[in-house]
Structure formats: C-alpha cells, structure tokens
Amino acid sequence: MWKWMRERASGAAGGGDAGMTTSEYAMGTIAACAFASVLYKVVTSDMVSSALEAVVGRALDVPF
C-alpha cells in the first residue's frame, strides 16, 4: 500500500502538462488578433458609429 501511495504522490507532483507550449501561445495570439480585427471593423462601421454617437449624445443631454 505504501508503494502505491508513493507512486501516486510522485506522479501527481511531477507529471502532466502544466501550461501552454509555444505553438499554443502562437495559435492563441493569432486567434486574439483575428478577433480584434473583426471587432475593430464592426466598431468602426458606419452603423455602429452612428449608434454609439446617438447613445453618447443622449447620455450627455440627460438633465441633472
């Protein structure tokens, strides 16, 4: 029984993958950049710009 417990303890402490590899970081960075470019295109579109401008205008015109 003690042998089994030692094997389990040593395997849990030193085994397994802890974190991302370089290729996973690269894929995550590419995905984040792609998402940022799509979000930028959406936010800078005419329809969204006018909607944001209207929201800000209404917020500034609220009486105190």
PDB file of N, CA and C in Angstrom:
ATOM      1  N   MET A   1       0.810  -1.187   0.000  1.00  0.00           N
ATOM      2  CA  MET A   1       0.000   0.000   0.000  1.00  0.00           C
ATOM      3  C   MET A   1       0.860   1.260   0.000  1.00  0.00           C
ATOM      4  N   TRP A   2       1.953   1.265   0.761  1.00  0.00           N
ATOM      5  CA  TRP A   2       2.806   2.448   0.811  1.00  0.00           C
ATOM      6  C   TRP A   2       3.468   2.710  -0.530  1.00  0.00           C
ATOM      7  N   LYS A   3       3.814   1.636  -1.220  1.00  0.00           N
ATOM      8  CA  LYS A   3       4.422   1.796  -2.542  1.00  0.00           C
ATOM      9  C   LYS A   3       3.432   2.474  -3.489  1.00  0.00           C
ATOM     10  N   TRP A   4       2.194   2.051  -3.442  1.00  0.00           N
ATOM     11  CA  TRP A   4       1.162   2.634  -4.294  1.00  0.00           C
ATOM     12  C   TRP A   4       0.971   4.125  -3.990  1.00  0.00           C
ATOM     13  N   MET A   5       0.984   4.463  -2.687  1.00  0.00           N
ATOM     14  CA  MET A   5       0.811   5.864  -2.299  1.00  0.00           C
ATOM     15  C   MET A   5       1.993   6.712  -2.746  1.00  0.00           C
ATOM     16  N   ARG A   6       3.220   6.182  -2.644  1.00  0.00           N
ATOM     17  CA  ARG A   6       4.399   6.921  -3.103  1.00  0.00           C
ATOM     18  C   ARG A   6       4.346   7.153  -4.602  1.00  0.00           C
ATOM     19  N   GLU A   7       3.942   6.136  -5.361  1.00  0.00           N
ATOM     20  CA  GLU A   7       3.847   6.272  -6.812  1.00  0.00           C
ATOM     21  C   GLU A   7       2.797   7.307  -7.192  1.00  0.00           C
ATOM     22  N   ARG A   8       1.671   7.288  -6.501  1.00  0.00           N
ATOM     23  CA  ARG A   8       0.616   8.258  -6.796  1.00  0.00           C
ATOM     24  C   ARG A   8       1.068   9.678  -6.453  1.00  0.00           C
ATOM     25  N   ALA A   9       1.752   9.833  -5.334  1.00  0.00           N
ATOM     26  CA  ALA A   9       2.193  11.161  -4.919  1.00  0.00           C
ATOM     27  C   ALA A   9       3.267  11.702  -5.855  1.00  0.00           C
ATOM     28  N   SER A  10       4.214  10.879  -6.243  1.00  0.00           N
ATOM     29  CA  SER A  10       5.269  11.353  -7.135  1.00  0.00           C
ATOM     30  C   SER A  10       4.740  11.598  -8.535  1.00  0.00           C
ATOM     31  N   GLY A  11       3.786  10.822  -8.973  1.00  0.00           N
ATOM     32  CA  GLY A  11       3.197  11.032 -10.298  1.00  0.00           C
ATOM     33  C   GLY A  11       2.366  12.288 -10.360  1.00  0.00           C
ATOM     34  N   ALA A  12       1.655  12.599  -9.290  1.00  0.00           N
ATOM     35  CA  ALA A  12       0.807  13.789  -9.277  1.00  0.00           C
ATOM     36  C   ALA A  12       1.639  15.059  -9.189  1.00  0.00           C
ATOM     37  N   ALA A  13       2.765  14.994  -8.491  1.00  0.00           N
ATOM     38  CA  ALA A  13       3.563  16.190  -8.297  1.00  0.00           C
ATOM     39  C   ALA A  13       4.377  16.544  -9.531  1.00  0.00           C
ATOM     40  N   GLY A  14       4.868  15.568 -10.267  1.00  0.00           N
ATOM     41  CA  GLY A  14       5.765  15.877 -11.365  1.00  0.00           C
ATOM     42  C   GLY A  14       5.220  15.598 -12.740  1.00  0.00           C
ATOM     43  N   GLY A  15       4.083  14.995 -12.858  1.00  0.00           N
ATOM     44  CA  GLY A  15       3.599  14.618 -14.177  1.00  0.00           C
ATOM     45  C   GLY A  15       2.590  15.585 -14.740  1.00  0.00           C
ATOM     46  N   GLY A  16       2.280  15.356 -15.985  1.00  0.00           N
ATOM     47  CA  GLY A  16       1.238  16.148 -16.631  1.00  0.00           C
ATOM     48  C   GLY A  16       1.768  17.413 -17.268  1.00  0.00           C
ATOM     49  N   ASP A  17       0.948  17.996 -18.093  1.00  0.00           N
ATOM     50  CA  ASP A  17       1.299  19.254 -18.737  1.00  0.00           C
ATOM     51  C   ASP A  17       0.771  20.399 -17.896  1.00  0.00           C
ATOM     52  N   ALA A  18       1.646  21.305 -17.567  1.00  0.00           N
ATOM     53  CA  ALA A  18       1.240  22.464 -16.784  1.00  0.00           C
ATOM     54  C   ALA A  18       1.512  23.721 -17.603  1.00  0.00           C
ATOM     55  N   GLY A  19       0.544  24.143 -18.377  1.00  0.00           N
ATOM     56  CA  GLY A  19       0.726  25.352 -19.164  1.00  0.00           C
ATOM     57  C   GLY A  19       0.683  25.081 -20.652  1.00  0.00           C
ATOM     58  N   MET A  20       0.840  26.150 -21.404  1.00  0.00           N
ATOM     59  CA  MET A  20       0.767  26.031 -22.853  1.00  0.00           C
ATOM     60  C   MET A  20       2.165  25.972 -23.451  1.00  0.00           C
ATOM     61  N   THR A  21       2.254  25.311 -24.586  1.00  0.00           N
ATOM     62  CA  THR A  21       3.510  25.277 -25.320  1.00  0.00           C
ATOM     63  C   THR A  21       3.588  26.492 -26.228  1.00  0.00           C
ATOM     64  N   THR A  22       4.729  26.660 -26.866  1.00  0.00           N
ATOM     65  CA  THR A  22       4.928  27.813 -27.737  1.00  0.00           C
ATOM     66  C   THR A  22       3.934  27.832 -28.885  1.00  0.00           C
ATOM     67  N   SER A  23       3.650  26.680 -29.459  1.00  0.00           N
ATOM     68  CA  SER A  23       2.695  26.645 -30.570  1.00  0.00           C
ATOM     69  C   SER A  23       1.292  27.012 -30.104  1.00  0.00           C
ATOM     70  N   GLU A  24       0.940  26.632 -28.891  1.00  0.00           N
ATOM     71  CA  GLU A  24      -0.372  27.011 -28.359  1.00  0.00           C
ATOM     72  C   GLU A  24      -0.444  28.514 -28.107  1.00  0.00           C
ATOM     73  N   TYR A  25       0.654  29.110 -27.632  1.00  0.00           N
ATOM     74  CA  TYR A  25       0.690  30.558 -27.473  1.00  0.00           C
ATOM     75  C   TYR A  25       0.552  31.246 -28.825  1.00  0.00           C
ATOM     76  N   ALA A  26       1.223  30.715 -29.840  1.00  0.00           N
ATOM     77  CA  ALA A  26       1.149  31.309 -31.175  1.00  0.00           C
ATOM     78  C   ALA A  26      -0.271  31.245 -31.719  1.00  0.00           C
ATOM     79  N   MET A  27      -0.929  30.107 -31.578  1.00  0.00           N
ATOM     80  CA  MET A  27      -2.306  29.975 -32.066  1.00  0.00           C
ATOM     81  C   MET A  27      -3.249  30.886 -31.279  1.00  0.00           C
ATOM     82  N   GLY A  28      -3.035  31.000 -29.991  1.00  0.00           N
ATOM     83  CA  GLY A  28      -3.845  31.903 -29.177  1.00  0.00           C
ATOM     84  C   GLY A  28      -3.652  33.357 -29.575  1.00  0.00           C
ATOM     85  N   THR A  29      -2.422  33.731 -29.875  1.00  0.00           N
ATOM     86  CA  THR A  29      -2.133  35.092 -30.309  1.00  0.00           C
ATOM     87  C   THR A  29      -2.772  35.390 -31.653  1.00  0.00           C
ATOM     88  N   ILE A  30      -2.687  34.439 -32.580  1.00  0.00           N
ATOM     89  CA  ILE A  30      -3.304  34.619 -33.898  1.00  0.00           C
ATOM     90  C   ILE A  30      -4.819  34.751 -33.764  1.00  0.00           C
ATOM     91  N   ALA A  31      -5.418  33.911 -32.938  1.00  0.00           N
ATOM     92  CA  ALA A  31      -6.869  33.980 -32.735  1.00  0.00           C
ATOM     93  C   ALA A  31      -7.272  35.308 -32.099  1.00  0.00           C
ATOM     94  N   ALA A  32      -6.495  35.781 -31.139  1.00  0.00           N
ATOM     95  CA  ALA A  32      -6.804  37.058 -30.491  1.00  0.00           C
ATOM     96  C   ALA A  32      -6.682  38.218 -31.475  1.00  0.00           C
ATOM     97  N   CYS A  33      -5.678  38.177 -32.329  1.00  0.00           N
ATOM     98  CA  CYS A  33      -5.516  39.233 -33.339  1.00  0.00           C
ATOM     99  C   CYS A  33      -6.654  39.208 -34.351  1.00  0.00           C
ATOM    100  N   ALA A  34      -7.069  38.023 -34.757  1.00  0.00           N
ATOM    101  CA  ALA A  34      -8.188  37.913 -35.696  1.00  0.00           C
ATOM    102  C   ALA A  34      -9.465  38.456 -35.069  1.00  0.00           C
ATOM    103  N   PHE A  35      -9.716  38.112 -33.824  1.00  0.00           N
ATOM    104  CA  PHE A  35     -10.900  38.613 -33.128  1.00  0.00           C
ATOM    105  C   PHE A  35     -10.841  40.128 -32.981  1.00  0.00           C
ATOM    106  N   ALA A  36      -9.658  40.657 -32.669  1.00  0.00           N
ATOM    107  CA  ALA A  36      -9.511  42.106 -32.517  1.00  0.00           C
ATOM    108  C   ALA A  36      -9.758  42.826 -33.835  1.00  0.00           C
ATOM    109  N   SER A  37      -9.295  42.263 -34.939  1.00  0.00           N
ATOM    110  CA  SER A  37      -9.517  42.922 -36.230  1.00  0.00           C
ATOM    111  C   SER A  37     -10.993  42.902 -36.616  1.00  0.00           C
ATOM    112  N   VAL A  38     -11.685  41.797 -36.350  1.00  0.00           N
ATOM    113  CA  VAL A  38     -13.124  41.739 -36.631  1.00  0.00           C
ATOM    114  C   VAL A  38     -13.868  42.736 -35.747  1.00  0.00           C
ATOM    115  N   LEU A  39     -13.516  42.796 -34.481  1.00  0.00           N
ATOM    116  CA  LEU A  39     -14.165  43.736 -33.568  1.00  0.00           C
ATOM    117  C   LEU A  39     -13.911  45.178 -33.993  1.00  0.00           C
ATOM    118  N   TYR A  40     -12.708  45.479 -34.440  1.00  0.00           N
ATOM    119  CA  TYR A  40     -12.380  46.827 -34.911  1.00  0.00           C
ATOM    120  C   TYR A  40     -13.225  47.195 -36.128  1.00  0.00           C
ATOM    121  N   LYS A  41     -13.356  46.256 -37.059  1.00  0.00           N
ATOM    122  CA  LYS A  41     -14.169  46.508 -38.254  1.00  0.00           C
ATOM    123  C   LYS A  41     -15.622  46.773 -37.872  1.00  0.00           C
ATOM    124  N   VAL A  42     -16.141  46.013 -36.921  1.00  0.00           N
ATOM    125  CA  VAL A  42     -17.536  46.189 -36.503  1.00  0.00           C
ATOM    126  C   VAL A  42     -17.725  47.536 -35.817  1.00  0.00           C
ATOM    127  N   VAL A  43     -16.835  47.875 -34.910  1.00  0.00           N
ATOM    128  CA  VAL A  43     -16.987  49.110 -34.134  1.00  0.00           C
ATOM    129  C   VAL A  43     -16.804  50.342 -35.015  1.00  0.00           C
ATOM    130  N   THR A  44     -15.943  50.270 -36.018  1.00  0.00           N
ATOM    131  CA  THR A  44     -15.709  51.430 -36.873  1.00  0.00           C
ATOM    132  C   THR A  44     -16.662  51.495 -38.065  1.00  0.00           C
ATOM    133  N   SER A  45     -17.593  50.575 -38.167  1.00  0.00           N
ATOM    134  CA  SER A  45     -18.560  50.640 -39.270  1.00  0.00           C
ATOM    135  C   SER A  45     -19.499  51.829 -39.064  1.00  0.00           C
ATOM    136  N   ASP A  46     -20.101  52.283 -40.149  1.00  0.00           N
ATOM    137  CA  ASP A  46     -20.969  53.463 -40.083  1.00  0.00           C
ATOM    138  C   ASP A  46     -22.169  53.248 -39.168  1.00  0.00           C
ATOM    139  N   MET A  47     -22.778  52.079 -39.248  1.00  0.00           N
ATOM    140  CA  MET A  47     -23.976  51.819 -38.457  1.00  0.00           C
ATOM    141  C   MET A  47     -23.669  51.831 -36.957  1.00  0.00           C
ATOM    142  N   VAL A  48     -22.600  51.173 -36.568  1.00  0.00           N
ATOM    143  CA  VAL A  48     -22.248  51.113 -35.144  1.00  0.00           C
ATOM    144  C   VAL A  48     -21.753  52.473 -34.662  1.00  0.00           C
ATOM    145  N   SER A  49     -20.997  53.174 -35.493  1.00  0.00           N
ATOM    146  CA  SER A  49     -20.516  54.504 -35.103  1.00  0.00           C
ATOM    147  C   SER A  49     -21.672  55.455 -34.843  1.00  0.00           C
ATOM    148  N   SER A  50     -22.664  55.442 -35.726  1.00  0.00           N
ATOM    149  CA  SER A  50     -23.809  56.336 -35.524  1.00  0.00           C
ATOM    150  C   SER A  50     -24.617  55.929 -34.296  1.00  0.00           C
ATOM    151  N   ALA A  51     -24.735  54.635 -34.042  1.00  0.00           N
ATOM    152  CA  ALA A  51     -25.455  54.181 -32.853  1.00  0.00           C
ATOM    153  C   ALA A  51     -24.726  54.601 -31.581  1.00  0.00           C
ATOM    154  N   LEU A  52     -23.407  54.445 -31.555  1.00  0.00           N
ATOM    155  CA  LEU A  52     -22.634  54.872 -30.384  1.00  0.00           C
ATOM    156  C   LEU A  52     -22.715  56.380 -30.194  1.00  0.00           C
ATOM    157  N   GLU A  53     -22.671  57.112 -31.299  1.00  0.00           N
ATOM    158  CA  GLU A  53     -22.775  58.564 -31.220  1.00  0.00           C
ATOM    159  C   GLU A  53     -24.134  58.981 -30.663  1.00  0.00           C
ATOM    160  N   ALA A  54     -25.185  58.292 -31.061  1.00  0.00           N
ATOM    161  CA  ALA A  54     -26.520  58.598 -30.551  1.00  0.00           C
ATOM    162  C   ALA A  54     -26.627  58.291 -29.063  1.00  0.00           C
ATOM    163  N   VAL A  55     -26.052  57.192 -28.633  1.00  0.00           N
ATOM    164  CA  VAL A  55     -26.094  56.823 -27.209  1.00  0.00           C
ATOM    165  C   VAL A  55     -25.346  57.853 -26.372  1.00  0.00           C
ATOM    166  N   VAL A  56     -24.166  58.247 -26.832  1.00  0.00           N
ATOM    167  CA  VAL A  56     -23.387  59.242 -26.092  1.00  0.00           C
ATOM    168  C   VAL A  56     -24.118  60.582 -26.084  1.00  0.00           C
ATOM    169  N   GLY A  57     -24.707  60.950 -27.205  1.00  0.00           N
ATOM    170  CA  GLY A  57     -25.455  62.205 -27.273  1.00  0.00           C
ATOM    171  C   GLY A  57     -26.630  62.224 -26.319  1.00  0.00           C
ATOM    172  N   ARG A  58     -27.366  61.113 -26.257  1.00  0.00           N
ATOM    173  CA  ARG A  58     -28.492  61.042 -25.315  1.00  0.00           C
ATOM    174  C   ARG A  58     -28.005  61.080 -23.876  1.00  0.00           C
ATOM    175  N   ALA A  59     -26.869  60.450 -23.609  1.00  0.00           N
ATOM    176  CA  ALA A  59     -26.338  60.444 -22.240  1.00  0.00           C
ATOM    177  C   ALA A  59     -25.908  61.845 -21.818  1.00  0.00           C
ATOM    178  N   LEU A  60     -25.377  62.621 -22.750  1.00  0.00           N
ATOM    179  CA  LEU A  60     -24.938  63.974 -22.413  1.00  0.00           C
ATOM    180  C   LEU A  60     -26.103  64.955 -22.310  1.00  0.00           C
ATOM    181  N   ASP A  61     -27.221  64.644 -22.936  1.00  0.00           N
ATOM    182  CA  ASP A  61     -28.384  65.529 -22.901  1.00  0.00           C
ATOM    183  C   ASP A  61     -29.326  65.256 -21.733  1.00  0.00           C
ATOM    184  N   VAL A  62     -28.996  64.316 -20.871  1.00  0.00           N
ATOM    185  CA  VAL A  62     -29.858  63.986 -19.735  1.00  0.00           C
ATOM    186  C   VAL A  62     -29.818  65.137 -18.736  1.00  0.00           C
ATOM    187  N   PRO A  63     -30.991  65.639 -18.321  1.00  0.00           N
ATOM    188  CA  PRO A  63     -30.997  66.733 -17.332  1.00  0.00           C
ATOM    189  C   PRO A  63     -30.580  66.230 -15.946  1.00  0.00           C
ATOM    190  N   PHE A  64     -29.897  67.087 -15.224  1.00  0.00           N
ATOM    191  CA  PHE A  64     -29.433  66.712 -13.888  1.00  0.00           C
ATOM    192  C   PHE A  64     -30.461  67.022 -12.858  1.00  0.00           C
TER     193      PHE A  64
END
